[in-house]
Amino acid sequence: MTKSAGEVKAPQKAPGNQPKTARGEATRKAILSAAERVIGAKGYNDASIGHITSEAGVAQGTFYIYFTTKEQVFSELVLEMGRLVRHTIAEATQGIEDRLEAEKAGLTAFLEFVCAHPDLYRIVQEALFVDPQAYQEYYQTFAAGYRAGLEAAQEAGQISKGDAETRAWALMGIGRTLGEQLVVFKSDKPISEIVASGYDLIANGIKP
């Protein structure tokens, strides 16, 4: 991975140094939030630690109190996206017993989330090239939970029998590409219309 010019050399510090005070935690979150905006807008290679700390309003040396490298911040943002997405979808589908209705609510929640966090979404897409391990963890963790939900729905007779793992990845692919339509290609189509078409495909397929 390339490093941007002008960055100061990181002091030797253990990775993942966690703040011990509320003020420290607030500073760490401010740096992460700034990194989300800067890397999301500029891309990983063009975003420097100096850019991030300037956006966060802290001294460049402060960065190294909480992080060792730009790579570490990037990886943490990818995994944070995964945690936030799973939590958002879980909240949106809580109490919905019918699996198809849960698919509709989950797709809506996901697309609303990526529209509200376009920088995070772009960071995850870039992770395939910057941090393949974090990228794989993001999708494999999501797929494992998705597969379990589909298997439970099959056992309950709510959906037809089938390969739950392949279905999980296929359904994730629908959400991912619809997210790209909104964030990357900046579609002005309302989320409700996109969800309606996506849900119809999920529930009914494309048979005439």
N, C-alpha and C. Protein backbone atom coordinates (compact mmCIF):
# COMPACT_ATOMS: atom_id res chain seq x y z
N MET A 1 0.84 -1.20 0.00
CA MET A 1 0.00 0.00 0.00
C MET A 1 0.88 1.24 0.00
N THR A 2 0.49 2.20 -0.79
CA THR A 2 1.29 3.40 -0.87
C THR A 2 0.96 4.34 0.27
N LYS A 3 1.93 5.15 0.62
CA LYS A 3 1.72 6.16 1.65
C LYS A 3 1.78 7.53 1.01
N SER A 4 0.94 8.44 1.46
CA SER A 4 0.89 9.78 0.88
C SER A 4 2.09 10.59 1.33
N ALA A 5 2.54 11.49 0.47
CA ALA A 5 3.69 12.32 0.78
C ALA A 5 3.35 13.29 1.90
N GLY A 6 4.36 13.59 2.70
CA GLY A 6 4.18 14.61 3.74
C GLY A 6 3.67 14.08 5.06
N GLU A 7 3.43 12.76 5.17
CA GLU A 7 2.96 12.23 6.44
C GLU A 7 4.13 12.06 7.38
N VAL A 8 3.95 12.40 8.65
CA VAL A 8 5.01 12.19 9.62
C VAL A 8 5.08 10.72 9.95
N LYS A 9 6.28 10.28 10.32
CA LYS A 9 6.47 8.87 10.64
C LYS A 9 5.77 8.55 11.95
N ALA A 10 5.05 7.41 11.97
CA ALA A 10 4.31 7.04 13.16
C ALA A 10 5.24 6.62 14.28
N PRO A 11 5.01 7.08 15.50
CA PRO A 11 5.77 6.58 16.63
C PRO A 11 5.46 5.10 16.86
N GLN A 12 6.36 4.41 17.53
CA GLN A 12 6.11 3.00 17.83
C GLN A 12 5.05 2.92 18.92
N LYS A 13 3.88 2.41 18.57
CA LYS A 13 2.77 2.30 19.51
C LYS A 13 2.00 1.04 19.20
N ALA A 14 1.51 0.39 20.23
CA ALA A 14 0.76 -0.84 20.01
C ALA A 14 -0.48 -0.57 19.21
N PRO A 15 -0.82 -1.45 18.25
CA PRO A 15 -2.01 -1.25 17.42
C PRO A 15 -3.27 -1.23 18.27
N GLY A 16 -4.24 -0.46 17.80
CA GLY A 16 -5.55 -0.47 18.43
C GLY A 16 -5.57 0.14 19.82
N ASN A 17 -4.73 1.13 20.09
CA ASN A 17 -4.70 1.77 21.39
C ASN A 17 -6.05 2.38 21.70
N GLN A 18 -6.66 1.97 22.78
CA GLN A 18 -7.99 2.43 23.13
C GLN A 18 -7.92 3.57 24.14
N PRO A 19 -8.73 4.62 23.96
CA PRO A 19 -8.71 5.75 24.90
C PRO A 19 -9.23 5.34 26.27
N LYS A 20 -8.71 5.99 27.29
CA LYS A 20 -9.09 5.67 28.66
C LYS A 20 -10.05 6.69 29.26
N THR A 21 -10.33 7.77 28.53
CA THR A 21 -11.23 8.80 29.03
C THR A 21 -12.31 9.09 28.00
N ALA A 22 -13.37 9.74 28.46
CA ALA A 22 -14.45 10.11 27.56
C ALA A 22 -13.96 11.10 26.51
N ARG A 23 -13.07 11.99 26.91
CA ARG A 23 -12.50 12.96 25.97
C ARG A 23 -11.68 12.25 24.91
N GLY A 24 -10.89 11.26 25.33
CA GLY A 24 -10.10 10.49 24.38
C GLY A 24 -10.97 9.72 23.41
N GLU A 25 -12.06 9.15 23.91
CA GLU A 25 -12.97 8.41 23.04
C GLU A 25 -13.62 9.35 22.03
N ALA A 26 -13.95 10.56 22.47
CA ALA A 26 -14.54 11.54 21.55
C ALA A 26 -13.55 11.93 20.46
N THR A 27 -12.28 12.09 20.84
CA THR A 27 -11.25 12.43 19.85
C THR A 27 -11.06 11.29 18.85
N ARG A 28 -11.03 10.08 19.35
CA ARG A 28 -10.87 8.92 18.47
C ARG A 28 -12.02 8.83 17.47
N LYS A 29 -13.23 9.04 17.95
CA LYS A 29 -14.40 9.00 17.08
C LYS A 29 -14.36 10.13 16.05
N ALA A 30 -13.85 11.28 16.47
CA ALA A 30 -13.75 12.42 15.55
C ALA A 30 -12.76 12.10 14.42
N ILE A 31 -11.69 11.41 14.77
CA ILE A 31 -10.71 11.03 13.75
C ILE A 31 -11.31 10.00 12.79
N LEU A 32 -12.03 9.03 13.32
CA LEU A 32 -12.68 8.04 12.47
C LEU A 32 -13.71 8.68 11.56
N SER A 33 -14.49 9.60 12.11
CA SER A 33 -15.50 10.28 11.31
C SER A 33 -14.87 11.11 10.21
N ALA A 34 -13.77 11.78 10.54
CA ALA A 34 -13.05 12.57 9.54
C ALA A 34 -12.46 11.66 8.47
N ALA A 35 -11.92 10.52 8.89
CA ALA A 35 -11.34 9.56 7.93
C ALA A 35 -12.42 9.04 6.99
N GLU A 36 -13.61 8.83 7.51
CA GLU A 36 -14.72 8.38 6.67
C GLU A 36 -15.00 9.40 5.57
N ARG A 37 -15.06 10.67 5.93
CA ARG A 37 -15.36 11.71 4.95
C ARG A 37 -14.22 11.89 3.95
N VAL A 38 -12.99 11.93 4.47
CA VAL A 38 -11.84 12.20 3.61
C VAL A 38 -11.56 11.03 2.66
N ILE A 39 -11.49 9.81 3.19
CA ILE A 39 -11.20 8.66 2.35
C ILE A 39 -12.36 8.39 1.39
N GLY A 40 -13.59 8.59 1.88
CA GLY A 40 -14.74 8.40 1.02
C GLY A 40 -14.74 9.35 -0.16
N ALA A 41 -14.27 10.59 0.07
CA ALA A 41 -14.27 11.60 -1.00
C ALA A 41 -13.05 11.49 -1.91
N LYS A 42 -11.87 11.24 -1.32
CA LYS A 42 -10.63 11.27 -2.09
C LYS A 42 -10.17 9.90 -2.57
N GLY A 43 -10.64 8.84 -1.90
CA GLY A 43 -10.09 7.51 -2.15
C GLY A 43 -8.91 7.27 -1.24
N TYR A 44 -8.59 6.00 -1.02
CA TYR A 44 -7.56 5.65 -0.03
C TYR A 44 -6.20 6.26 -0.36
N ASN A 45 -5.74 6.08 -1.58
CA ASN A 45 -4.38 6.50 -1.92
C ASN A 45 -4.19 8.01 -1.86
N ASP A 46 -5.20 8.77 -2.20
CA ASP A 46 -5.08 10.23 -2.23
C ASP A 46 -5.38 10.89 -0.89
N ALA A 47 -5.88 10.12 0.06
CA ALA A 47 -6.19 10.66 1.38
C ALA A 47 -4.97 10.46 2.29
N SER A 48 -4.47 11.53 2.88
CA SER A 48 -3.32 11.43 3.78
C SER A 48 -3.78 11.56 5.23
N ILE A 49 -2.89 11.17 6.12
CA ILE A 49 -3.18 11.35 7.54
C ILE A 49 -3.32 12.83 7.85
N GLY A 50 -2.53 13.66 7.16
CA GLY A 50 -2.66 15.10 7.34
C GLY A 50 -4.04 15.60 6.95
N HIS A 51 -4.57 15.09 5.85
CA HIS A 51 -5.93 15.46 5.44
C HIS A 51 -6.93 15.07 6.52
N ILE A 52 -6.75 13.86 7.07
CA ILE A 52 -7.70 13.35 8.06
C ILE A 52 -7.67 14.18 9.34
N THR A 53 -6.46 14.46 9.84
CA THR A 53 -6.38 15.22 11.09
C THR A 53 -6.83 16.67 10.90
N SER A 54 -6.57 17.22 9.72
CA SER A 54 -7.05 18.57 9.44
C SER A 54 -8.57 18.60 9.45
N GLU A 55 -9.19 17.59 8.85
CA GLU A 55 -10.65 17.50 8.83
C GLU A 55 -11.21 17.31 10.24
N ALA A 56 -10.46 16.56 11.06
CA ALA A 56 -10.91 16.29 12.43
C ALA A 56 -10.64 17.45 13.37
N GLY A 57 -9.76 18.38 12.93
CA GLY A 57 -9.43 19.52 13.78
C GLY A 57 -8.49 19.18 14.91
N VAL A 58 -7.60 18.20 14.67
CA VAL A 58 -6.62 17.81 15.69
C VAL A 58 -5.22 17.85 15.08
N ALA A 59 -4.20 17.87 15.93
CA ALA A 59 -2.82 17.85 15.47
C ALA A 59 -2.51 16.50 14.84
N GLN A 60 -1.60 16.49 13.85
CA GLN A 60 -1.29 15.25 13.16
C GLN A 60 -0.73 14.20 14.12
N GLY A 61 0.04 14.64 15.11
CA GLY A 61 0.58 13.70 16.08
C GLY A 61 -0.49 13.03 16.92
N THR A 62 -1.64 13.69 17.07
CA THR A 62 -2.73 13.12 17.86
C THR A 62 -3.25 11.83 17.22
N PHE A 63 -3.15 11.77 15.89
CA PHE A 63 -3.61 10.58 15.18
C PHE A 63 -2.95 9.33 15.75
N TYR A 64 -1.65 9.42 16.04
CA TYR A 64 -0.88 8.24 16.44
C TYR A 64 -1.09 7.86 17.89
N ILE A 65 -1.84 8.65 18.62
CA ILE A 65 -2.22 8.24 19.97
C ILE A 65 -3.24 7.11 19.89
N TYR A 66 -4.04 7.13 18.82
CA TYR A 66 -5.14 6.17 18.71
C TYR A 66 -4.96 5.16 17.58
N PHE A 67 -4.17 5.49 16.59
CA PHE A 67 -3.99 4.60 15.43
C PHE A 67 -2.51 4.57 15.05
N THR A 68 -2.09 3.46 14.48
CA THR A 68 -0.69 3.35 14.07
C THR A 68 -0.49 3.74 12.61
N THR A 69 -1.47 3.46 11.75
CA THR A 69 -1.33 3.72 10.33
C THR A 69 -2.67 4.11 9.72
N LYS A 70 -2.60 4.63 8.52
CA LYS A 70 -3.82 4.92 7.76
C LYS A 70 -4.56 3.62 7.44
N GLU A 71 -3.80 2.55 7.21
CA GLU A 71 -4.41 1.26 6.90
C GLU A 71 -5.31 0.79 8.04
N GLN A 72 -4.86 1.02 9.27
CA GLN A 72 -5.64 0.59 10.43
C GLN A 72 -6.98 1.32 10.49
N VAL A 73 -6.94 2.62 10.24
CA VAL A 73 -8.19 3.40 10.23
C VAL A 73 -9.12 2.89 9.14
N PHE A 74 -8.57 2.65 7.97
CA PHE A 74 -9.37 2.18 6.85
C PHE A 74 -10.06 0.86 7.19
N SER A 75 -9.29 -0.09 7.72
CA SER A 75 -9.84 -1.40 8.07
C SER A 75 -10.93 -1.27 9.12
N GLU A 76 -10.72 -0.39 10.08
CA GLU A 76 -11.73 -0.21 11.12
C GLU A 76 -13.02 0.37 10.56
N LEU A 77 -12.90 1.26 9.59
CA LEU A 77 -14.09 1.82 8.96
C LEU A 77 -14.88 0.75 8.20
N VAL A 78 -14.18 -0.15 7.53
CA VAL A 78 -14.85 -1.24 6.81
C VAL A 78 -15.64 -2.11 7.78
N LEU A 79 -15.00 -2.50 8.87
CA LEU A 79 -15.67 -3.37 9.84
C LEU A 79 -16.79 -2.62 10.58
N GLU A 80 -16.59 -1.31 10.80
CA GLU A 80 -17.65 -0.51 11.42
C GLU A 80 -18.87 -0.44 10.52
N MET A 81 -18.65 -0.32 9.22
CA MET A 81 -19.76 -0.33 8.27
C MET A 81 -20.55 -1.62 8.42
N GLY A 82 -19.83 -2.74 8.53
CA GLY A 82 -20.51 -4.02 8.69
C GLY A 82 -21.35 -4.07 9.94
N ARG A 83 -20.79 -3.60 11.05
CA ARG A 83 -21.53 -3.62 12.32
C ARG A 83 -22.77 -2.72 12.24
N LEU A 84 -22.60 -1.54 11.67
CA LEU A 84 -23.72 -0.60 11.58
C LEU A 84 -24.82 -1.12 10.67
N VAL A 85 -24.44 -1.69 9.54
CA VAL A 85 -25.44 -2.22 8.60
C VAL A 85 -26.22 -3.36 9.24
N ARG A 86 -25.51 -4.29 9.86
CA ARG A 86 -26.21 -5.43 10.48
C ARG A 86 -27.15 -4.95 11.58
N HIS A 87 -26.71 -3.98 12.37
CA HIS A 87 -27.55 -3.45 13.44
C HIS A 87 -28.78 -2.75 12.87
N THR A 88 -28.57 -1.96 11.82
CA THR A 88 -29.67 -1.22 11.19
C THR A 88 -30.72 -2.17 10.63
N ILE A 89 -30.27 -3.21 9.94
CA ILE A 89 -31.21 -4.17 9.35
C ILE A 89 -31.91 -4.97 10.44
N ALA A 90 -31.19 -5.34 11.49
CA ALA A 90 -31.80 -6.09 12.58
C ALA A 90 -32.91 -5.28 13.24
N GLU A 91 -32.66 -3.99 13.43
CA GLU A 91 -33.69 -3.13 14.02
C GLU A 91 -34.89 -2.99 13.10
N ALA A 92 -34.63 -2.86 11.79
CA ALA A 92 -35.72 -2.65 10.83
C ALA A 92 -36.60 -3.89 10.68
N THR A 93 -36.02 -5.07 10.91
CA THR A 93 -36.77 -6.31 10.70
C THR A 93 -37.24 -6.94 12.00
N GLN A 94 -36.92 -6.32 13.11
CA GLN A 94 -37.32 -6.88 14.41
C GLN A 94 -38.84 -6.99 14.50
N GLY A 95 -39.30 -8.15 14.88
CA GLY A 95 -40.73 -8.36 15.05
C GLY A 95 -41.46 -8.76 13.79
N ILE A 96 -40.79 -8.75 12.63
CA ILE A 96 -41.42 -9.18 11.38
C ILE A 96 -41.23 -10.68 11.23
N GLU A 97 -42.29 -11.43 11.32
CA GLU A 97 -42.19 -12.90 11.31
C GLU A 97 -42.12 -13.47 9.90
N ASP A 98 -42.79 -12.81 8.94
CA ASP A 98 -42.78 -13.31 7.57
C ASP A 98 -41.46 -12.95 6.89
N ARG A 99 -40.78 -13.97 6.34
CA ARG A 99 -39.45 -13.74 5.78
C ARG A 99 -39.47 -12.80 4.58
N LEU A 100 -40.47 -12.92 3.73
CA LEU A 100 -40.52 -12.04 2.56
C LEU A 100 -40.71 -10.58 2.96
N GLU A 101 -41.55 -10.36 3.95
CA GLU A 101 -41.73 -8.99 4.44
C GLU A 101 -40.45 -8.49 5.09
N ALA A 102 -39.73 -9.39 5.74
CA ALA A 102 -38.45 -9.02 6.34
C ALA A 102 -37.43 -8.65 5.26
N GLU A 103 -37.47 -9.37 4.13
CA GLU A 103 -36.57 -9.03 3.02
C GLU A 103 -36.84 -7.61 2.53
N LYS A 104 -38.11 -7.28 2.41
CA LYS A 104 -38.49 -5.95 1.93
C LYS A 104 -38.04 -4.87 2.90
N ALA A 105 -38.29 -5.09 4.19
CA ALA A 105 -37.91 -4.11 5.21
C ALA A 105 -36.40 -3.99 5.30
N GLY A 106 -35.70 -5.12 5.18
CA GLY A 106 -34.24 -5.11 5.25
C GLY A 106 -33.61 -4.39 4.08
N LEU A 107 -34.15 -4.61 2.88
CA LEU A 107 -33.64 -3.94 1.69
C LEU A 107 -33.84 -2.44 1.80
N THR A 108 -35.01 -2.05 2.27
CA THR A 108 -35.28 -0.62 2.46
C THR A 108 -34.30 0.00 3.45
N ALA A 109 -34.09 -0.68 4.57
CA ALA A 109 -33.19 -0.17 5.59
C ALA A 109 -31.76 -0.06 5.06
N PHE A 110 -31.34 -1.05 4.29
CA PHE A 110 -29.98 -1.04 3.75
C PHE A 110 -29.78 0.14 2.79
N LEU A 111 -30.73 0.32 1.87
CA LEU A 111 -30.58 1.40 0.89
C LEU A 111 -30.65 2.77 1.55
N GLU A 112 -31.50 2.90 2.55
CA GLU A 112 -31.56 4.17 3.28
C GLU A 112 -30.24 4.42 4.02
N PHE A 113 -29.65 3.35 4.53
CA PHE A 113 -28.38 3.48 5.24
C PHE A 113 -27.27 3.93 4.30
N VAL A 114 -27.15 3.29 3.14
CA VAL A 114 -26.04 3.65 2.25
C VAL A 114 -26.22 5.06 1.69
N CYS A 115 -27.46 5.49 1.52
CA CYS A 115 -27.69 6.87 1.07
C CYS A 115 -27.29 7.87 2.16
N ALA A 116 -27.46 7.47 3.42
CA ALA A 116 -27.08 8.34 4.53
C ALA A 116 -25.59 8.28 4.82
N HIS A 117 -24.91 7.21 4.36
CA HIS A 117 -23.48 7.03 4.62
C HIS A 117 -22.76 6.67 3.33
N PRO A 118 -22.82 7.54 2.31
CA PRO A 118 -22.21 7.20 1.02
C PRO A 118 -20.70 7.01 1.10
N ASP A 119 -20.04 7.77 1.98
CA ASP A 119 -18.58 7.64 2.10
C ASP A 119 -18.20 6.26 2.62
N LEU A 120 -18.91 5.79 3.63
CA LEU A 120 -18.65 4.45 4.16
C LEU A 120 -18.88 3.39 3.09
N TYR A 121 -19.92 3.57 2.31
CA TYR A 121 -20.23 2.59 1.27
C TYR A 121 -19.10 2.55 0.24
N ARG A 122 -18.59 3.71 -0.16
CA ARG A 122 -17.49 3.74 -1.12
C ARG A 122 -16.22 3.13 -0.54
N ILE A 123 -16.00 3.32 0.76
CA ILE A 123 -14.83 2.74 1.41
C ILE A 123 -14.89 1.22 1.37
N VAL A 124 -16.06 0.65 1.63
CA VAL A 124 -16.20 -0.81 1.57
C VAL A 124 -15.92 -1.31 0.16
N GLN A 125 -16.40 -0.61 -0.84
CA GLN A 125 -16.15 -1.02 -2.22
C GLN A 125 -14.65 -0.99 -2.53
N GLU A 126 -13.95 0.02 -2.02
CA GLU A 126 -12.52 0.15 -2.28
C GLU A 126 -11.71 -0.89 -1.51
N ALA A 127 -12.29 -1.42 -0.44
CA ALA A 127 -11.56 -2.38 0.40
C ALA A 127 -11.15 -3.63 -0.36
N LEU A 128 -11.84 -3.97 -1.41
CA LEU A 128 -11.46 -5.13 -2.21
C LEU A 128 -10.02 -5.02 -2.68
N PHE A 129 -9.56 -3.81 -2.94
CA PHE A 129 -8.21 -3.58 -3.45
C PHE A 129 -7.24 -3.12 -2.35
N VAL A 130 -7.77 -2.43 -1.33
CA VAL A 130 -6.92 -1.87 -0.29
C VAL A 130 -6.69 -2.87 0.84
N ASP A 131 -7.76 -3.53 1.29
CA ASP A 131 -7.67 -4.47 2.41
C ASP A 131 -8.60 -5.65 2.14
N PRO A 132 -8.16 -6.59 1.29
CA PRO A 132 -9.02 -7.72 0.93
C PRO A 132 -9.50 -8.53 2.14
N GLN A 133 -8.68 -8.61 3.18
CA GLN A 133 -9.08 -9.37 4.36
C GLN A 133 -10.29 -8.74 5.04
N ALA A 134 -10.27 -7.42 5.22
CA ALA A 134 -11.41 -6.73 5.81
C ALA A 134 -12.63 -6.83 4.91
N TYR A 135 -12.40 -6.75 3.61
CA TYR A 135 -13.49 -6.88 2.63
C TYR A 135 -14.16 -8.25 2.76
N GLN A 136 -13.34 -9.29 2.83
CA GLN A 136 -13.88 -10.64 2.96
C GLN A 136 -14.62 -10.82 4.27
N GLU A 137 -14.05 -10.28 5.35
CA GLU A 137 -14.71 -10.41 6.65
C GLU A 137 -16.06 -9.70 6.64
N TYR A 138 -16.11 -8.54 6.01
CA TYR A 138 -17.36 -7.78 5.91
C TYR A 138 -18.45 -8.64 5.29
N TYR A 139 -18.17 -9.20 4.12
CA TYR A 139 -19.20 -9.96 3.40
C TYR A 139 -19.44 -11.35 3.96
N GLN A 140 -18.40 -12.01 4.44
CA GLN A 140 -18.59 -13.35 4.98
C GLN A 140 -19.40 -13.33 6.27
N THR A 141 -19.17 -12.33 7.10
CA THR A 141 -19.95 -12.20 8.33
C THR A 141 -21.41 -11.93 8.00
N PHE A 142 -21.63 -11.04 7.04
CA PHE A 142 -23.00 -10.72 6.62
C PHE A 142 -23.67 -11.96 6.03
N ALA A 143 -22.93 -12.70 5.19
CA ALA A 143 -23.50 -13.88 4.53
C ALA A 143 -23.87 -14.97 5.52
N ALA A 144 -23.06 -15.13 6.57
CA ALA A 144 -23.33 -16.17 7.56
C ALA A 144 -24.67 -15.91 8.26
N GLY A 145 -24.89 -14.66 8.65
CA GLY A 145 -26.15 -14.32 9.30
C GLY A 145 -27.33 -14.43 8.35
N TYR A 146 -27.12 -14.02 7.11
CA TYR A 146 -28.17 -14.09 6.09
C TYR A 146 -28.56 -15.55 5.85
N ARG A 147 -27.55 -16.41 5.71
CA ARG A 147 -27.81 -17.83 5.46
C ARG A 147 -28.63 -18.44 6.60
N ALA A 148 -28.26 -18.11 7.83
CA ALA A 148 -28.98 -18.65 8.99
C ALA A 148 -30.44 -18.23 8.97
N GLY A 149 -30.70 -16.98 8.60
CA GLY A 149 -32.07 -16.50 8.53
C GLY A 149 -32.88 -17.21 7.47
N LEU A 150 -32.25 -17.43 6.32
CA LEU A 150 -32.95 -18.14 5.24
C LEU A 150 -33.21 -19.59 5.61
N GLU A 151 -32.27 -20.23 6.27
CA GLU A 151 -32.48 -21.62 6.70
C GLU A 151 -33.64 -21.72 7.68
N ALA A 152 -33.72 -20.76 8.60
CA ALA A 152 -34.82 -20.74 9.56
C ALA A 152 -36.16 -20.53 8.85
N ALA A 153 -36.16 -19.66 7.84
CA ALA A 153 -37.39 -19.39 7.08
C ALA A 153 -37.82 -20.63 6.29
N GLN A 154 -36.85 -21.38 5.77
CA GLN A 154 -37.18 -22.62 5.07
C GLN A 154 -37.83 -23.62 6.02
N GLU A 155 -37.24 -23.77 7.19
CA GLU A 155 -37.78 -24.72 8.17
C GLU A 155 -39.19 -24.33 8.60
N ALA A 156 -39.45 -23.02 8.62
CA ALA A 156 -40.78 -22.55 9.02
C ALA A 156 -41.78 -22.58 7.87
N GLY A 157 -41.30 -22.96 6.68
CA GLY A 157 -42.19 -23.03 5.52
C GLY A 157 -42.54 -21.68 4.93
N GLN A 158 -41.77 -20.65 5.24
CA GLN A 158 -42.07 -19.31 4.74
C GLN A 158 -41.51 -19.07 3.35
N ILE A 159 -40.46 -19.81 2.98
CA ILE A 159 -39.89 -19.72 1.64
C ILE A 159 -39.64 -21.13 1.12
N SER A 160 -39.43 -21.24 -0.18
CA SER A 160 -39.20 -22.55 -0.77
C SER A 160 -37.83 -23.09 -0.36
N LYS A 161 -37.67 -24.40 -0.50
CA LYS A 161 -36.40 -25.03 -0.19
C LYS A 161 -35.36 -24.65 -1.25
N GLY A 162 -34.11 -24.55 -0.84
CA GLY A 162 -33.04 -24.22 -1.77
C GLY A 162 -31.72 -24.08 -1.04
N ASP A 163 -30.67 -23.84 -1.79
CA ASP A 163 -29.34 -23.66 -1.24
C ASP A 163 -29.27 -22.30 -0.55
N ALA A 164 -29.34 -22.32 0.78
CA ALA A 164 -29.42 -21.07 1.54
C ALA A 164 -28.16 -20.22 1.37
N GLU A 165 -27.01 -20.85 1.24
CA GLU A 165 -25.78 -20.07 1.12
C GLU A 165 -25.75 -19.31 -0.21
N THR A 166 -26.05 -20.02 -1.31
CA THR A 166 -26.06 -19.35 -2.62
C THR A 166 -27.13 -18.26 -2.65
N ARG A 167 -28.27 -18.55 -2.08
CA ARG A 167 -29.33 -17.55 -2.04
C ARG A 167 -28.90 -16.32 -1.24
N ALA A 168 -28.21 -16.55 -0.13
CA ALA A 168 -27.76 -15.43 0.70
C ALA A 168 -26.85 -14.51 -0.11
N TRP A 169 -25.89 -15.09 -0.83
CA TRP A 169 -24.97 -14.27 -1.62
C TRP A 169 -25.70 -13.57 -2.77
N ALA A 170 -26.66 -14.27 -3.38
CA ALA A 170 -27.41 -13.65 -4.48
C ALA A 170 -28.24 -12.47 -3.98
N LEU A 171 -28.89 -12.63 -2.83
CA LEU A 171 -29.70 -11.55 -2.28
C LEU A 171 -28.82 -10.39 -1.82
N MET A 172 -27.66 -10.70 -1.26
CA MET A 172 -26.71 -9.65 -0.92
C MET A 172 -26.28 -8.90 -2.17
N GLY A 173 -26.11 -9.63 -3.26
CA GLY A 173 -25.71 -8.99 -4.52
C GLY A 173 -26.75 -8.00 -5.01
N ILE A 174 -28.01 -8.33 -4.82
CA ILE A 174 -29.08 -7.41 -5.21
C ILE A 174 -28.95 -6.11 -4.42
N GLY A 175 -28.82 -6.22 -3.11
CA GLY A 175 -28.69 -5.03 -2.28
C GLY A 175 -27.46 -4.23 -2.62
N ARG A 176 -26.34 -4.93 -2.84
CA ARG A 176 -25.08 -4.24 -3.13
C ARG A 176 -25.16 -3.43 -4.42
N THR A 177 -25.69 -4.02 -5.47
CA THR A 177 -25.73 -3.31 -6.75
C THR A 177 -26.79 -2.21 -6.75
N LEU A 178 -27.86 -2.40 -6.03
CA LEU A 178 -28.84 -1.32 -5.92
C LEU A 178 -28.25 -0.17 -5.11
N GLY A 179 -27.41 -0.50 -4.14
CA GLY A 179 -26.70 0.55 -3.41
C GLY A 179 -25.78 1.33 -4.33
N GLU A 180 -25.11 0.62 -5.23
CA GLU A 180 -24.25 1.29 -6.21
C GLU A 180 -25.07 2.21 -7.12
N GLN A 181 -26.24 1.75 -7.50
CA GLN A 181 -27.10 2.57 -8.34
C GLN A 181 -27.38 3.92 -7.67
N LEU A 182 -27.59 3.89 -6.36
CA LEU A 182 -27.91 5.11 -5.63
C LEU A 182 -26.68 5.95 -5.31
N VAL A 183 -25.61 5.30 -4.84
CA VAL A 183 -24.45 6.04 -4.33
C VAL A 183 -23.43 6.35 -5.42
N VAL A 184 -23.08 5.34 -6.22
CA VAL A 184 -22.03 5.52 -7.22
C VAL A 184 -22.59 6.19 -8.48
N PHE A 185 -23.72 5.70 -8.94
CA PHE A 185 -24.31 6.23 -10.17
C PHE A 185 -25.33 7.33 -9.92
N LYS A 186 -25.56 7.62 -8.64
CA LYS A 186 -26.38 8.76 -8.21
C LYS A 186 -27.76 8.79 -8.87
N SER A 187 -28.43 7.66 -8.82
CA SER A 187 -29.79 7.59 -9.35
C SER A 187 -30.71 8.51 -8.55
N ASP A 188 -31.62 9.17 -9.26
CA ASP A 188 -32.59 10.02 -8.57
C ASP A 188 -33.92 9.29 -8.36
N LYS A 189 -33.93 7.99 -8.65
CA LYS A 189 -35.15 7.22 -8.45
C LYS A 189 -35.40 7.05 -6.96
N PRO A 190 -36.62 7.24 -6.49
CA PRO A 190 -36.92 7.10 -5.06
C PRO A 190 -36.61 5.69 -4.56
N ILE A 191 -36.13 5.61 -3.33
CA ILE A 191 -35.81 4.32 -2.74
C ILE A 191 -37.04 3.40 -2.74
N SER A 192 -38.19 3.97 -2.50
CA SER A 192 -39.41 3.15 -2.44
C SER A 192 -39.66 2.44 -3.77
N GLU A 193 -39.38 3.11 -4.89
CA GLU A 193 -39.57 2.48 -6.20
C GLU A 193 -38.53 1.40 -6.45
N ILE A 194 -37.31 1.67 -6.05
CA ILE A 194 -36.24 0.68 -6.22
C ILE A 194 -36.55 -0.56 -5.38
N VAL A 195 -36.98 -0.35 -4.15
CA VAL A 195 -37.30 -1.47 -3.27
C VAL A 195 -38.48 -2.27 -3.83
N ALA A 196 -39.49 -1.57 -4.35
CA ALA A 196 -40.66 -2.27 -4.90
C ALA A 196 -40.26 -3.20 -6.04
N SER A 197 -39.39 -2.72 -6.93
CA SER A 197 -38.94 -3.56 -8.05
C SER A 197 -38.04 -4.69 -7.56
N GLY A 198 -37.13 -4.36 -6.64
CA GLY A 198 -36.25 -5.38 -6.10
C GLY A 198 -37.00 -6.45 -5.34
N TYR A 199 -37.98 -6.03 -4.56
CA TYR A 199 -38.77 -6.98 -3.78
C TYR A 199 -39.60 -7.87 -4.70
N ASP A 200 -40.16 -7.31 -5.75
CA ASP A 200 -40.94 -8.10 -6.70
C ASP A 200 -40.07 -9.19 -7.32
N LEU A 201 -38.82 -8.83 -7.63
CA LEU A 201 -37.90 -9.82 -8.19
C LEU A 201 -37.61 -10.91 -7.16
N ILE A 202 -37.38 -10.53 -5.91
CA ILE A 202 -37.07 -11.50 -4.86
C ILE A 202 -38.27 -12.43 -4.61
N ALA A 203 -39.44 -11.84 -4.53
CA ALA A 203 -40.62 -12.62 -4.16
C ALA A 203 -41.19 -13.43 -5.31
N ASN A 204 -41.10 -12.90 -6.55
CA ASN A 204 -41.79 -13.54 -7.67
C ASN A 204 -40.88 -14.00 -8.80
N GLY A 205 -39.62 -13.59 -8.79
CA GLY A 205 -38.73 -13.96 -9.88
C GLY A 205 -39.08 -13.23 -11.17
N ILE A 206 -38.63 -13.76 -12.30
CA ILE A 206 -38.91 -13.11 -13.57
C ILE A 206 -39.70 -14.01 -14.53
N LYS A 207 -40.31 -15.03 -13.97
CA LYS A 207 -41.17 -15.86 -14.83
C LYS A 207 -42.36 -15.04 -15.30
N PRO A 208 -42.80 -15.27 -16.53
CA PRO A 208 -43.99 -14.53 -17.03
C PRO A 208 -45.24 -14.97 -16.29
